[in-house]
């Protein structure tokens, strides 16, 4: 089934849900309607990657290709949860843009300013974005429960979804912690620490858990679930390492974010851990002093990019991406999944990992 069909089915489910929410919101008043509209706006766009992996897991477990209402509801719940995670992530990172548009807290800040309201617009935007992310988490739960109502495999699916929520939350906290704790951690542990963040914050919930969720909904047996986990986690790690590369070297026209955004945000990724370990003491001090400076100029970003590139860290991360992709391929070839399922999983993995800078 074309990925566009999955995206269309999920979008249709989201449209119905949002229309129902907005129809019942008049009692909240016009100011709340603006807030709900802002929440709905975060659901526009995106690759629907998690819904696509969810559908692939469903197919791998023998679910019918055309899907079911429960499957599309689950896929929609995943996409709403993704929006919640992005709202909170952008707020934590002080990111100004998302997908080429203002990040949610900046959009809410503009709403305050355009309305001529009293008080500090930036503070309003940040406070409202906390609540906006919380609202999206609640909507995600609403959609999940509606999808699983009286479903024969609800318990297994609900358990995996709950694990996903915990993993992402802890992973986000580990990411925040790493931006401060790296300075006291032994230098030879920084790469492992960065990879732990990548696993919990992104790899599991971007690929592995959507696959397992779709398969669980279809009533997958333990061998199928194990195969999907064995494939999904390394693909998710490769996906996140690619994201780390794009965060430093990506083209804004492709990423929808300014060049070098991870440098300004102080992200202590695997790429930075490797580069830092290979720098001279003087260059390491330069990197440590600059990374996390929100005011880095384009010229300073370019200089830091070259500093990282000169260490060979970029080439090493590309090798790691290839290694994780090879692990995923080994998991597929050693599984009892059907040829059709394997082909689709390979196609999705390629699309997730081979994003250009």
C-alpha atoms as a PDB file:
ATOM      1  CA  UNK A   1       0.000   0.000   0.000  1.00  0.00           C
ATOM      2  CA  UNK A   2       1.436   3.413  -0.926  1.00  0.00           C
ATOM      3  CA  UNK A   3       2.579   5.563   1.978  1.00  0.00           C
ATOM      4  CA  UNK A   4       0.218   8.268   0.716  1.00  0.00           C
ATOM      5  CA  UNK A   5      -2.740   5.997   1.487  1.00  0.00           C
ATOM      6  CA  UNK A   6      -1.541   5.558   5.066  1.00  0.00           C
ATOM      7  CA  UNK A   7      -1.059   9.313   5.433  1.00  0.00           C
ATOM      8  CA  UNK A   8      -4.506   9.991   3.949  1.00  0.00           C
ATOM      9  CA  UNK A   9      -6.227   7.466   6.214  1.00  0.00           C
ATOM     10  CA  UNK A  10      -4.562   8.905   9.307  1.00  0.00           C
ATOM     11  CA  UNK A  11      -5.286  12.481   8.208  1.00  0.00           C
ATOM     12  CA  UNK A  12      -8.953  11.620   7.734  1.00  0.00           C
ATOM     13  CA  UNK A  13      -9.113  10.184  11.258  1.00  0.00           C
ATOM     14  CA  UNK A  14      -7.427  13.292  12.654  1.00  0.00           C
ATOM     15  CA  UNK A  15      -9.827  15.584  10.778  1.00  0.00           C
ATOM     16  CA  UNK A  16     -12.847  13.816  12.253  1.00  0.00           C
ATOM     17  CA  UNK A  17     -11.401  13.962  15.755  1.00  0.00           C
ATOM     18  CA  UNK A  18     -10.464  17.657  15.544  1.00  0.00           C
ATOM     19  CA  UNK A  19     -13.867  18.590  14.094  1.00  0.00           C
ATOM     20  CA  UNK A  20     -15.580  16.840  16.996  1.00  0.00           C
ATOM     21  CA  UNK A  21     -13.345  18.591  19.535  1.00  0.00           C
ATOM     22  CA  UNK A  22     -13.930  22.019  18.012  1.00  0.00           C
ATOM     23  CA  UNK A  23     -17.684  21.462  17.712  1.00  0.00           C
ATOM     24  CA  UNK A  24     -17.833  20.830  21.438  1.00  0.00           C
ATOM     25  CA  UNK A  25     -15.596  23.703  22.473  1.00  0.00           C
ATOM     26  CA  UNK A  26     -17.985  26.654  22.340  1.00  0.00           C
ATOM     27  CA  UNK A  27     -18.526  26.577  26.110  1.00  0.00           C
ATOM     28  CA  UNK A  28     -14.808  27.338  26.590  1.00  0.00           C
ATOM     29  CA  UNK A  29     -15.132  30.742  24.946  1.00  0.00           C
ATOM     30  CA  UNK A  30     -13.259  32.368  22.035  1.00  0.00           C
ATOM     31  CA  UNK A  31      -9.861  32.538  23.752  1.00  0.00           C
ATOM     32  CA  UNK A  32      -9.836  28.795  24.309  1.00  0.00           C
ATOM     33  CA  UNK A  33     -10.870  28.254  20.700  1.00  0.00           C
ATOM     34  CA  UNK A  34      -7.678  30.039  19.642  1.00  0.00           C
ATOM     35  CA  UNK A  35      -5.743  27.631  21.857  1.00  0.00           C
ATOM     36  CA  UNK A  36      -7.474  24.585  20.380  1.00  0.00           C
ATOM     37  CA  UNK A  37      -6.854  25.890  16.873  1.00  0.00           C
ATOM     38  CA  UNK A  38      -3.158  26.211  17.737  1.00  0.00           C
ATOM     39  CA  UNK A  39      -3.132  22.590  18.891  1.00  0.00           C
ATOM     40  CA  UNK A  40      -4.828  21.451  15.694  1.00  0.00           C
ATOM     41  CA  UNK A  41      -2.299  23.411  13.617  1.00  0.00           C
ATOM     42  CA  UNK A  42       0.573  21.320  15.016  1.00  0.00           C
ATOM     43  CA  UNK A  43      -0.966  18.238  13.379  1.00  0.00           C
ATOM     44  CA  UNK A  44      -0.515  19.543   9.848  1.00  0.00           C
ATOM     45  CA  UNK A  45       2.372  18.294   7.737  1.00  0.00           C
ATOM     46  CA  UNK A  46       5.076  15.819   8.587  1.00  0.00           C
ATOM     47  CA  UNK A  47       5.982  12.513   6.976  1.00  0.00           C
ATOM     48  CA  UNK A  48       3.630  10.390   9.142  1.00  0.00           C
ATOM     49  CA  UNK A  49       6.634   8.140   9.690  1.00  0.00           C
ATOM     50  CA  UNK A  50       5.335   6.568  12.878  1.00  0.00           C
ATOM     51  CA  UNK A  51       1.947   5.778  11.374  1.00  0.00           C
ATOM     52  CA  UNK A  52       3.688   4.219   8.378  1.00  0.00           C
ATOM     53  CA  UNK A  53       5.835   1.990  10.588  1.00  0.00           C
ATOM     54  CA  UNK A  54       2.731   1.099  12.602  1.00  0.00           C
ATOM     55  CA  UNK A  55       1.005   0.000   9.385  1.00  0.00           C
ATOM     56  CA  UNK A  56       4.101  -1.998   8.371  1.00  0.00           C
ATOM     57  CA  UNK A  57       4.074  -3.821  11.710  1.00  0.00           C
ATOM     58  CA  UNK A  58       0.394  -4.566  11.230  1.00  0.00           C
ATOM     59  CA  UNK A  59       1.078  -6.078   7.798  1.00  0.00           C
ATOM     60  CA  UNK A  60       4.060  -8.071   9.077  1.00  0.00           C
ATOM     61  CA  UNK A  61       1.770  -9.680  11.649  1.00  0.00           C
ATOM     62  CA  UNK A  62      -0.759 -10.670   8.991  1.00  0.00           C
ATOM     63  CA  UNK A  63      -3.183  -7.762   9.233  1.00  0.00           C
ATOM     64  CA  UNK A  64      -5.151  -6.959   6.050  1.00  0.00           C
ATOM     65  CA  UNK A  65      -3.503  -4.397   3.801  1.00  0.00           C
ATOM     66  CA  UNK A  66      -6.530  -2.102   3.692  1.00  0.00           C
ATOM     67  CA  UNK A  67      -6.306  -1.669   7.462  1.00  0.00           C
ATOM     68  CA  UNK A  68      -9.116  -1.138   9.946  1.00  0.00           C
ATOM     69  CA  UNK A  69     -10.601   1.743  11.891  1.00  0.00           C
ATOM     70  CA  UNK A  70      -8.616   0.590  14.926  1.00  0.00           C
ATOM     71  CA  UNK A  71      -5.342   0.683  12.991  1.00  0.00           C
ATOM     72  CA  UNK A  72      -5.931   4.172  11.620  1.00  0.00           C
ATOM     73  CA  UNK A  73      -6.984   5.373  15.052  1.00  0.00           C
ATOM     74  CA  UNK A  74      -3.774   3.965  16.522  1.00  0.00           C
ATOM     75  CA  UNK A  75      -1.719   5.594  13.775  1.00  0.00           C
ATOM     76  CA  UNK A  76      -3.449   8.912  14.410  1.00  0.00           C
ATOM     77  CA  UNK A  77      -2.785   8.610  18.152  1.00  0.00           C
ATOM     78  CA  UNK A  78       0.918   8.125  17.400  1.00  0.00           C
ATOM     79  CA  UNK A  79       0.980  11.232  15.228  1.00  0.00           C
ATOM     80  CA  UNK A  80      -0.726  13.326  17.915  1.00  0.00           C
ATOM     81  CA  UNK A  81       1.776  12.072  20.481  1.00  0.00           C
ATOM     82  CA  UNK A  82       4.575  13.018  18.084  1.00  0.00           C
ATOM     83  CA  UNK A  83       3.164  16.549  17.877  1.00  0.00           C
ATOM     84  CA  UNK A  84       3.084  16.750  21.673  1.00  0.00           C
ATOM     85  CA  UNK A  85       6.708  15.637  21.875  1.00  0.00           C
ATOM     86  CA  UNK A  86       7.757  18.221  19.278  1.00  0.00           C
ATOM     87  CA  UNK A  87       5.942  21.055  21.065  1.00  0.00           C
ATOM     88  CA  UNK A  88       7.717  20.253  24.323  1.00  0.00           C
ATOM     89  CA  UNK A  89      11.041  19.579  22.568  1.00  0.00           C
ATOM     90  CA  UNK A  90      10.986  22.943  20.784  1.00  0.00           C
ATOM     91  CA  UNK A  91      10.093  24.681  24.020  1.00  0.00           C
ATOM     92  CA  UNK A  92      12.923  23.015  25.922  1.00  0.00           C
ATOM     93  CA  UNK A  93      15.419  23.736  23.136  1.00  0.00           C
ATOM     94  CA  UNK A  94      14.241  27.328  22.562  1.00  0.00           C
ATOM     95  CA  UNK A  95      13.747  26.470  18.899  1.00  0.00           C
ATOM     96  CA  UNK A  96      12.125  29.171  16.820  1.00  0.00           C
ATOM     97  CA  UNK A  97      10.984  27.019  13.907  1.00  0.00           C
ATOM     98  CA  UNK A  98       9.478  23.616  13.152  1.00  0.00           C
ATOM     99  CA  UNK A  99       8.900  22.317   9.616  1.00  0.00           C
ATOM    100  CA  UNK A 100       9.687  25.755   8.255  1.00  0.00           C
ATOM    101  CA  UNK A 101       7.024  27.442  10.384  1.00  0.00           C
ATOM    102  CA  UNK A 102       7.136  29.120  13.805  1.00  0.00           C
ATOM    103  CA  UNK A 103       7.435  26.623  16.656  1.00  0.00           C
ATOM    104  CA  UNK A 104       4.274  26.330  18.761  1.00  0.00           C
ATOM    105  CA  UNK A 105       5.485  28.579  21.572  1.00  0.00           C
ATOM    106  CA  UNK A 106       6.501  31.233  19.046  1.00  0.00           C
ATOM    107  CA  UNK A 107       3.124  31.005  17.300  1.00  0.00           C
ATOM    108  CA  UNK A 108       1.362  31.433  20.645  1.00  0.00           C
ATOM    109  CA  UNK A 109       3.653  34.339  21.480  1.00  0.00           C
ATOM    110  CA  UNK A 110       2.603  35.992  18.212  1.00  0.00           C
ATOM    111  CA  UNK A 111      -1.045  35.323  18.996  1.00  0.00           C
ATOM    112  CA  UNK A 112      -0.665  37.232  22.278  1.00  0.00           C
ATOM    113  CA  UNK A 113       1.160  40.105  20.610  1.00  0.00           C
ATOM    114  CA  UNK A 114      -1.259  40.382  17.681  1.00  0.00           C
ATOM    115  CA  UNK A 115      -4.236  40.439  20.049  1.00  0.00           C
ATOM    116  CA  UNK A 116      -2.732  43.357  21.975  1.00  0.00           C
ATOM    117  CA  UNK A 117      -3.036  41.508  25.277  1.00  0.00           C
ATOM    118  CA  UNK A 118      -1.461  42.665  28.532  1.00  0.00           C
ATOM    119  CA  UNK A 119       1.796  41.215  29.856  1.00  0.00           C
ATOM    120  CA  UNK A 120       4.847  39.564  28.367  1.00  0.00           C
ATOM    121  CA  UNK A 121       4.112  37.830  25.061  1.00  0.00           C
ATOM    122  CA  UNK A 122       7.122  35.508  25.252  1.00  0.00           C
ATOM    123  CA  UNK A 123       6.177  34.296  28.727  1.00  0.00           C
ATOM    124  CA  UNK A 124       2.620  33.699  27.546  1.00  0.00           C
ATOM    125  CA  UNK A 125       3.866  31.707  24.568  1.00  0.00           C
ATOM    126  CA  UNK A 126       6.060  29.464  26.697  1.00  0.00           C
ATOM    127  CA  UNK A 127       3.437  28.860  29.376  1.00  0.00           C
ATOM    128  CA  UNK A 128       0.753  28.159  26.803  1.00  0.00           C
ATOM    129  CA  UNK A 129       3.025  25.741  24.929  1.00  0.00           C
ATOM    130  CA  UNK A 130       3.481  23.638  28.075  1.00  0.00           C
ATOM    131  CA  UNK A 131      -0.289  23.285  28.268  1.00  0.00           C
ATOM    132  CA  UNK A 132      -0.546  22.785  24.508  1.00  0.00           C
ATOM    133  CA  UNK A 133       1.798  19.807  24.668  1.00  0.00           C
ATOM    134  CA  UNK A 134      -0.148  18.412  27.608  1.00  0.00           C
ATOM    135  CA  UNK A 135      -3.402  18.801  25.683  1.00  0.00           C
ATOM    136  CA  UNK A 136      -1.937  16.903  22.732  1.00  0.00           C
ATOM    137  CA  UNK A 137      -0.862  14.063  25.024  1.00  0.00           C
ATOM    138  CA  UNK A 138      -4.438  13.922  26.306  1.00  0.00           C
ATOM    139  CA  UNK A 139      -5.786  13.902  22.743  1.00  0.00           C
ATOM    140  CA  UNK A 140      -3.393  11.090  21.903  1.00  0.00           C
ATOM    141  CA  UNK A 141      -4.770   9.049  24.803  1.00  0.00           C
ATOM    142  CA  UNK A 142      -8.329   9.843  23.729  1.00  0.00           C
ATOM    143  CA  UNK A 143      -7.636   8.563  20.224  1.00  0.00           C
ATOM    144  CA  UNK A 144      -5.866   5.463  21.518  1.00  0.00           C
ATOM    145  CA  UNK A 145      -8.726   4.500  23.813  1.00  0.00           C
ATOM    146  CA  UNK A 146     -11.287   5.064  21.069  1.00  0.00           C
ATOM    147  CA  UNK A 147      -9.257   2.857  18.718  1.00  0.00           C
ATOM    148  CA  UNK A 148      -8.895   0.069  21.277  1.00  0.00           C
ATOM    149  CA  UNK A 149     -12.467   0.027  22.542  1.00  0.00           C
ATOM    150  CA  UNK A 150     -13.488  -3.636  22.833  1.00  0.00           C
ATOM    151  CA  UNK A 151     -10.569  -4.667  20.628  1.00  0.00           C
ATOM    152  CA  UNK A 152      -9.362  -8.234  21.280  1.00  0.00           C
ATOM    153  CA  UNK A 153      -5.714  -7.155  21.442  1.00  0.00           C
ATOM    154  CA  UNK A 154      -6.237  -3.953  23.393  1.00  0.00           C
ATOM    155  CA  UNK A 155      -4.304  -4.998  26.509  1.00  0.00           C
ATOM    156  CA  UNK A 156      -1.068  -5.839  24.679  1.00  0.00           C
ATOM    157  CA  UNK A 157      -1.274  -2.717  22.524  1.00  0.00           C
ATOM    158  CA  UNK A 158      -2.075  -0.444  25.449  1.00  0.00           C
ATOM    159  CA  UNK A 159       0.876  -1.836  27.443  1.00  0.00           C
ATOM    160  CA  UNK A 160       3.310  -1.119  24.602  1.00  0.00           C
ATOM    161  CA  UNK A 161       1.906   2.394  24.123  1.00  0.00           C
ATOM    162  CA  UNK A 162       2.370   3.132  27.818  1.00  0.00           C
ATOM    163  CA  UNK A 163       5.961   1.909  27.617  1.00  0.00           C
ATOM    164  CA  UNK A 164       6.534   4.221  24.653  1.00  0.00           C
ATOM    165  CA  UNK A 165       5.274   7.249  26.577  1.00  0.00           C
ATOM    166  CA  UNK A 166       7.547   6.462  29.523  1.00  0.00           C
ATOM    167  CA  UNK A 167      10.580   5.904  27.322  1.00  0.00           C
ATOM    168  CA  UNK A 168      10.152   9.201  25.471  1.00  0.00           C
ATOM    169  CA  UNK A 169       9.680  11.183  28.667  1.00  0.00           C
ATOM    170  CA  UNK A 170      12.732   9.659  30.329  1.00  0.00           C
ATOM    171  CA  UNK A 171      14.714  10.047  27.110  1.00  0.00           C
ATOM    172  CA  UNK A 172      13.841  13.732  26.931  1.00  0.00           C
ATOM    173  CA  UNK A 173      15.001  14.164  30.520  1.00  0.00           C
ATOM    174  CA  UNK A 174      18.252  12.335  29.736  1.00  0.00           C
ATOM    175  CA  UNK A 175      18.756  14.705  26.801  1.00  0.00           C
ATOM    176  CA  UNK A 176      18.302  17.749  29.027  1.00  0.00           C
ATOM    177  CA  UNK A 177      20.564  16.250  31.673  1.00  0.00           C
ATOM    178  CA  UNK A 178      23.319  15.497  29.175  1.00  0.00           C
ATOM    179  CA  UNK A 179      23.578  19.162  28.186  1.00  0.00           C
ATOM    180  CA  UNK A 180      24.651  19.859  31.777  1.00  0.00           C
ATOM    181  CA  UNK A 181      26.110  16.599  33.094  1.00  0.00           C
ATOM    182  CA  UNK A 182      28.579  15.929  30.260  1.00  0.00           C
ATOM    183  CA  UNK A 183      31.160  18.168  31.923  1.00  0.00           C
ATOM    184  CA  UNK A 184      31.388  15.903  34.985  1.00  0.00           C
ATOM    185  CA  UNK A 185      31.102  12.571  33.158  1.00  0.00           C
ATOM    186  CA  UNK A 186      34.267  10.656  32.218  1.00  0.00           C
ATOM    187  CA  UNK A 187      35.259  11.538  28.646  1.00  0.00           C
ATOM    188  CA  UNK A 188      35.246   7.895  27.565  1.00  0.00           C
ATOM    189  CA  UNK A 189      31.557   7.541  28.521  1.00  0.00           C
ATOM    190  CA  UNK A 190      30.184  10.466  26.493  1.00  0.00           C
ATOM    191  CA  UNK A 191      29.465   8.472  23.331  1.00  0.00           C
ATOM    192  CA  UNK A 192      27.619   5.740  25.230  1.00  0.00           C
ATOM    193  CA  UNK A 193      25.625   8.382  27.082  1.00  0.00           C
ATOM    194  CA  UNK A 194      24.688  10.088  23.801  1.00  0.00           C
ATOM    195  CA  UNK A 195      23.599   6.775  22.290  1.00  0.00           C
ATOM    196  CA  UNK A 196      21.444   6.040  25.348  1.00  0.00           C
ATOM    197  CA  UNK A 197      19.653   9.352  24.831  1.00  0.00           C
ATOM    198  CA  UNK A 198      19.185   8.532  21.139  1.00  0.00           C
ATOM    199  CA  UNK A 199      17.690   5.149  21.993  1.00  0.00           C
ATOM    200  CA  UNK A 200      15.129   6.286  24.552  1.00  0.00           C
ATOM    201  CA  UNK A 201      14.257   9.708  23.172  1.00  0.00           C
ATOM    202  CA  UNK A 202      13.943   8.759  19.524  1.00  0.00           C
ATOM    203  CA  UNK A 203      14.937   5.311  18.220  1.00  0.00           C
ATOM    204  CA  UNK A 204      12.369   3.324  20.137  1.00  0.00           C
ATOM    205  CA  UNK A 205       9.367   5.542  19.651  1.00  0.00           C
ATOM    206  CA  UNK A 206      10.160   6.596  16.088  1.00  0.00           C
ATOM    207  CA  UNK A 207      10.529   3.101  14.634  1.00  0.00           C
ATOM    208  CA  UNK A 208      10.639   0.127  16.995  1.00  0.00           C
ATOM    209  CA  UNK A 209       7.557   0.837  19.080  1.00  0.00           C
ATOM    210  CA  UNK A 210       5.267   1.888  16.197  1.00  0.00           C
ATOM    211  CA  UNK A 211       6.177  -1.391  14.464  1.00  0.00           C
ATOM    212  CA  UNK A 212       5.427  -3.386  17.598  1.00  0.00           C
ATOM    213  CA  UNK A 213       2.217  -1.457  18.236  1.00  0.00           C
ATOM    214  CA  UNK A 214       0.865  -2.234  14.772  1.00  0.00           C
ATOM    215  CA  UNK A 215       1.872  -5.869  15.101  1.00  0.00           C
ATOM    216  CA  UNK A 216       0.348  -6.115  18.581  1.00  0.00           C
ATOM    217  CA  UNK A 217      -2.944  -4.769  17.283  1.00  0.00           C
ATOM    218  CA  UNK A 218      -2.902  -7.528  14.664  1.00  0.00           C
ATOM    219  CA  UNK A 219      -2.272 -10.173  17.336  1.00  0.00           C
ATOM    220  CA  UNK A 220       1.370 -10.892  16.500  1.00  0.00           C
ATOM    221  CA  UNK A 221       3.099 -13.929  17.956  1.00  0.00           C
ATOM    222  CA  UNK A 222       6.279 -13.527  20.073  1.00  0.00           C
ATOM    223  CA  UNK A 223       8.605 -14.445  17.180  1.00  0.00           C
ATOM    224  CA  UNK A 224       7.166 -11.706  14.967  1.00  0.00           C
ATOM    225  CA  UNK A 225       7.400  -9.135  17.741  1.00  0.00           C
ATOM    226  CA  UNK A 226      11.027 -10.129  18.415  1.00  0.00           C
ATOM    227  CA  UNK A 227      11.902  -9.838  14.717  1.00  0.00           C
ATOM    228  CA  UNK A 228      10.320  -6.397  14.493  1.00  0.00           C
ATOM    229  CA  UNK A 229      12.168  -5.217  17.585  1.00  0.00           C
ATOM    230  CA  UNK A 230      15.430  -6.619  16.221  1.00  0.00           C
ATOM    231  CA  UNK A 231      14.878  -4.679  13.019  1.00  0.00           C
ATOM    232  CA  UNK A 232      13.243  -1.569  14.432  1.00  0.00           C
ATOM    233  CA  UNK A 233      15.723  -0.522  17.088  1.00  0.00           C
ATOM    234  CA  UNK A 234      18.818  -0.328  14.841  1.00  0.00           C
ATOM    235  CA  UNK A 235      16.794   1.456  12.154  1.00  0.00           C
ATOM    236  CA  UNK A 236      15.662   3.909  14.809  1.00  0.00           C
ATOM    237  CA  UNK A 237      19.259   4.460  15.913  1.00  0.00           C
ATOM    238  CA  UNK A 238      20.348   5.066  12.320  1.00  0.00           C
ATOM    239  CA  UNK A 239      17.410   7.449  11.919  1.00  0.00           C
ATOM    240  CA  UNK A 240      18.459   9.450  14.978  1.00  0.00           C
ATOM    241  CA  UNK A 241      22.121   9.553  13.989  1.00  0.00           C
ATOM    242  CA  UNK A 242      21.039  10.896  10.606  1.00  0.00           C
ATOM    243  CA  UNK A 243      18.993  13.512  12.476  1.00  0.00           C
ATOM    244  CA  UNK A 244      22.098  14.424  14.497  1.00  0.00           C
ATOM    245  CA  UNK A 245      24.063  14.948  11.272  1.00  0.00           C
ATOM    246  CA  UNK A 246      21.290  17.118   9.847  1.00  0.00           C
ATOM    247  CA  UNK A 247      21.141  19.091  13.086  1.00  0.00           C
ATOM    248  CA  UNK A 248      24.704  20.270  12.485  1.00  0.00           C
ATOM    249  CA  UNK A 249      25.145  20.115   8.710  1.00  0.00           C
ATOM    250  CA  UNK A 250      21.598  20.133   7.350  1.00  0.00           C
ATOM    251  CA  UNK A 251      20.219  22.442   4.690  1.00  0.00           C
ATOM    252  CA  UNK A 252      17.455  24.628   6.191  1.00  0.00           C
ATOM    253  CA  UNK A 253      15.420  24.130   3.015  1.00  0.00           C
ATOM    254  CA  UNK A 254      15.355  20.407   3.806  1.00  0.00           C
ATOM    255  CA  UNK A 255      15.224  20.392   7.617  1.00  0.00           C
ATOM    256  CA  UNK A 256      12.936  23.384   8.151  1.00  0.00           C
ATOM    257  CA  UNK A 257      15.351  24.629  10.828  1.00  0.00           C
ATOM    258  CA  UNK A 258      18.307  27.050  10.746  1.00  0.00           C
ATOM    259  CA  UNK A 259      21.716  25.613   9.809  1.00  0.00           C
ATOM    260  CA  UNK A 260      23.636  24.371  12.832  1.00  0.00           C
ATOM    261  CA  UNK A 261      20.616  24.468  15.124  1.00  0.00           C
ATOM    262  CA  UNK A 262      21.935  21.627  17.306  1.00  0.00           C
ATOM    263  CA  UNK A 263      25.105  23.646  17.933  1.00  0.00           C
ATOM    264  CA  UNK A 264      23.136  26.647  19.152  1.00  0.00           C
ATOM    265  CA  UNK A 265      20.918  24.409  21.288  1.00  0.00           C
ATOM    266  CA  UNK A 266      23.905  22.662  22.884  1.00  0.00           C
ATOM    267  CA  UNK A 267      22.948  19.139  21.827  1.00  0.00           C
ATOM    268  CA  UNK A 268      25.503  16.618  23.088  1.00  0.00           C
ATOM    269  CA  UNK A 269      24.951  14.067  20.361  1.00  0.00           C
ATOM    270  CA  UNK A 270      27.078  11.117  19.278  1.00  0.00           C
ATOM    271  CA  UNK A 271      28.528  13.313  16.543  1.00  0.00           C
ATOM    272  CA  UNK A 272      29.697  15.885  19.085  1.00  0.00           C
ATOM    273  CA  UNK A 273      30.970  13.215  21.501  1.00  0.00           C
ATOM    274  CA  UNK A 274      33.135  11.673  18.790  1.00  0.00           C
ATOM    275  CA  UNK A 275      34.425  15.028  17.547  1.00  0.00           C
ATOM    276  CA  UNK A 276      35.225  16.225  21.057  1.00  0.00           C
ATOM    277  CA  UNK A 277      37.238  13.090  21.793  1.00  0.00           C
ATOM    278  CA  UNK A 278      39.424  13.699  18.744  1.00  0.00           C
ATOM    279  CA  UNK A 279      40.108  17.406  19.198  1.00  0.00           C
ATOM    280  CA  UNK A 280      43.230  18.985  20.637  1.00  0.00           C
ATOM    281  CA  UNK A 281      42.864  20.539  24.087  1.00  0.00           C
ATOM    282  CA  UNK A 282      42.661  24.023  22.563  1.00  0.00           C
ATOM    283  CA  UNK A 283      40.076  23.087  19.934  1.00  0.00           C
ATOM    284  CA  UNK A 284      38.071  21.134  22.501  1.00  0.00           C
ATOM    285  CA  UNK A 285      37.937  24.243  24.666  1.00  0.00           C
ATOM    286  CA  UNK A 286      36.739  26.224  21.642  1.00  0.00           C
ATOM    287  CA  UNK A 287      33.956  23.731  20.978  1.00  0.00           C
ATOM    288  CA  UNK A 288      32.921  23.560  24.636  1.00  0.00           C
ATOM    289  CA  UNK A 289      32.775  27.337  24.886  1.00  0.00           C
ATOM    290  CA  UNK A 290      30.699  27.746  21.725  1.00  0.00           C
ATOM    291  CA  UNK A 291      28.225  24.904  21.788  1.00  0.00           C
ATOM    292  CA  UNK A 292      24.968  25.963  23.403  1.00  0.00           C
ATOM    293  CA  UNK A 293      25.433  29.641  22.530  1.00  0.00           C
ATOM    294  CA  UNK A 294      22.085  30.683  21.055  1.00  0.00           C
ATOM    295  CA  UNK A 295      23.706  33.759  19.540  1.00  0.00           C
ATOM    296  CA  UNK A 296      26.164  31.949  17.284  1.00  0.00           C
ATOM    297  CA  UNK A 297      26.467  33.799  13.984  1.00  0.00           C
ATOM    298  CA  UNK A 298      26.356  31.983  10.630  1.00  0.00           C
ATOM    299  CA  UNK A 299      30.126  32.503  10.339  1.00  0.00           C
ATOM    300  CA  UNK A 300      30.712  30.970  13.771  1.00  0.00           C
ATOM    301  CA  UNK A 301      28.454  28.030  12.898  1.00  0.00           C
ATOM    302  CA  UNK A 302      30.424  27.436   9.710  1.00  0.00           C
ATOM    303  CA  UNK A 303      33.678  27.443  11.673  1.00  0.00           C
ATOM    304  CA  UNK A 304      32.325  24.910  14.165  1.00  0.00           C
ATOM    305  CA  UNK A 305      31.026  22.722  11.355  1.00  0.00           C
ATOM    306  CA  UNK A 306      34.506  22.665   9.855  1.00  0.00           C
ATOM    307  CA  UNK A 307      36.027  21.906  13.254  1.00  0.00           C
ATOM    308  CA  UNK A 308      33.768  18.878  13.624  1.00  0.00           C
ATOM    309  CA  UNK A 309      34.306  17.783  10.027  1.00  0.00           C
ATOM    310  CA  UNK A 310      38.104  17.951  10.348  1.00  0.00           C
ATOM    311  CA  UNK A 311      38.067  15.394  13.190  1.00  0.00           C
ATOM    312  CA  UNK A 312      36.545  12.732  10.936  1.00  0.00           C
ATOM    313  CA  UNK A 313      33.540  12.511  13.285  1.00  0.00           C
ATOM    314  CA  UNK A 314      31.110  12.945  10.409  1.00  0.00           C
ATOM    315  CA  UNK A 315      32.611   9.990   8.557  1.00  0.00           C
ATOM    316  CA  UNK A 316      32.521   7.912  11.753  1.00  0.00           C
ATOM    317  CA  UNK A 317      28.833   8.649  12.292  1.00  0.00           C
ATOM    318  CA  UNK A 318      28.118   7.695   8.680  1.00  0.00           C
ATOM    319  CA  UNK A 319      29.883   4.383   9.357  1.00  0.00           C
ATOM    320  CA  UNK A 320      27.727   3.895  12.457  1.00  0.00           C
ATOM    321  CA  UNK A 321      24.596   4.551  10.401  1.00  0.00           C
ATOM    322  CA  UNK A 322      25.740   1.879   7.950  1.00  0.00           C
ATOM    323  CA  UNK A 323      26.475  -0.515  10.825  1.00  0.00           C
ATOM    324  CA  UNK A 324      23.019  -0.051  12.348  1.00  0.00           C
ATOM    325  CA  UNK A 325      21.430  -0.506   8.926  1.00  0.00           C
ATOM    326  CA  UNK A 326      23.376  -3.747   8.515  1.00  0.00           C
ATOM    327  CA  UNK A 327      22.132  -4.947  11.920  1.00  0.00           C
ATOM    328  CA  UNK A 328      18.573  -4.269  10.808  1.00  0.00           C
ATOM    329  CA  UNK A 329      19.126  -6.201   7.582  1.00  0.00           C
ATOM    330  CA  UNK A 330      20.516  -9.155   9.546  1.00  0.00           C
ATOM    331  CA  UNK A 331      17.421  -9.142  11.742  1.00  0.00           C
ATOM    332  CA  UNK A 332      15.214  -9.288   8.651  1.00  0.00           C
ATOM    333  CA  UNK A 333      17.103 -12.030   6.852  1.00  0.00           C
ATOM    334  CA  UNK A 334      17.114 -14.160   9.970  1.00  0.00           C
ATOM    335  CA  UNK A 335      13.378 -13.804  10.562  1.00  0.00           C
ATOM    336  CA  UNK A 336      10.341 -15.739   9.412  1.00  0.00           C
ATOM    337  CA  UNK A 337       8.614 -12.599   8.124  1.00  0.00           C
ATOM    338  CA  UNK A 338       7.078 -12.812   4.676  1.00  0.00           C
ATOM    339  CA  UNK A 339       8.935 -11.530   1.640  1.00  0.00           C
ATOM    340  CA  UNK A 340       6.344  -8.826   1.135  1.00  0.00           C
ATOM    341  CA  UNK A 341       6.699  -7.617   4.715  1.00  0.00           C
ATOM    342  CA  UNK A 342      10.487  -7.599   4.436  1.00  0.00           C
ATOM    343  CA  UNK A 343      10.386  -5.571   1.224  1.00  0.00           C
ATOM    344  CA  UNK A 344       8.154  -2.948   2.784  1.00  0.00           C
ATOM    345  CA  UNK A 345      10.272  -2.728   5.912  1.00  0.00           C
ATOM    346  CA  UNK A 346      13.399  -2.233   3.820  1.00  0.00           C
ATOM    347  CA  UNK A 347      11.702   0.524   1.841  1.00  0.00           C
ATOM    348  CA  UNK A 348      10.584   2.336   4.979  1.00  0.00           C
ATOM    349  CA  UNK A 349      14.004   2.003   6.595  1.00  0.00           C
ATOM    350  CA  UNK A 350      15.665   3.473   3.527  1.00  0.00           C
ATOM    351  CA  UNK A 351      13.270   6.423   3.502  1.00  0.00           C
ATOM    352  CA  UNK A 352      13.851   7.067   7.225  1.00  0.00           C
ATOM    353  CA  UNK A 353      17.637   6.875   7.151  1.00  0.00           C
ATOM    354  CA  UNK A 354      18.667   8.189   3.739  1.00  0.00           C
ATOM    355  CA  UNK A 355      17.571  11.774   4.278  1.00  0.00           C
ATOM    356  CA  UNK A 356      19.878  14.245   2.606  1.00  0.00           C
ATOM    357  CA  UNK A 357      21.718  17.109   4.237  1.00  0.00           C
END
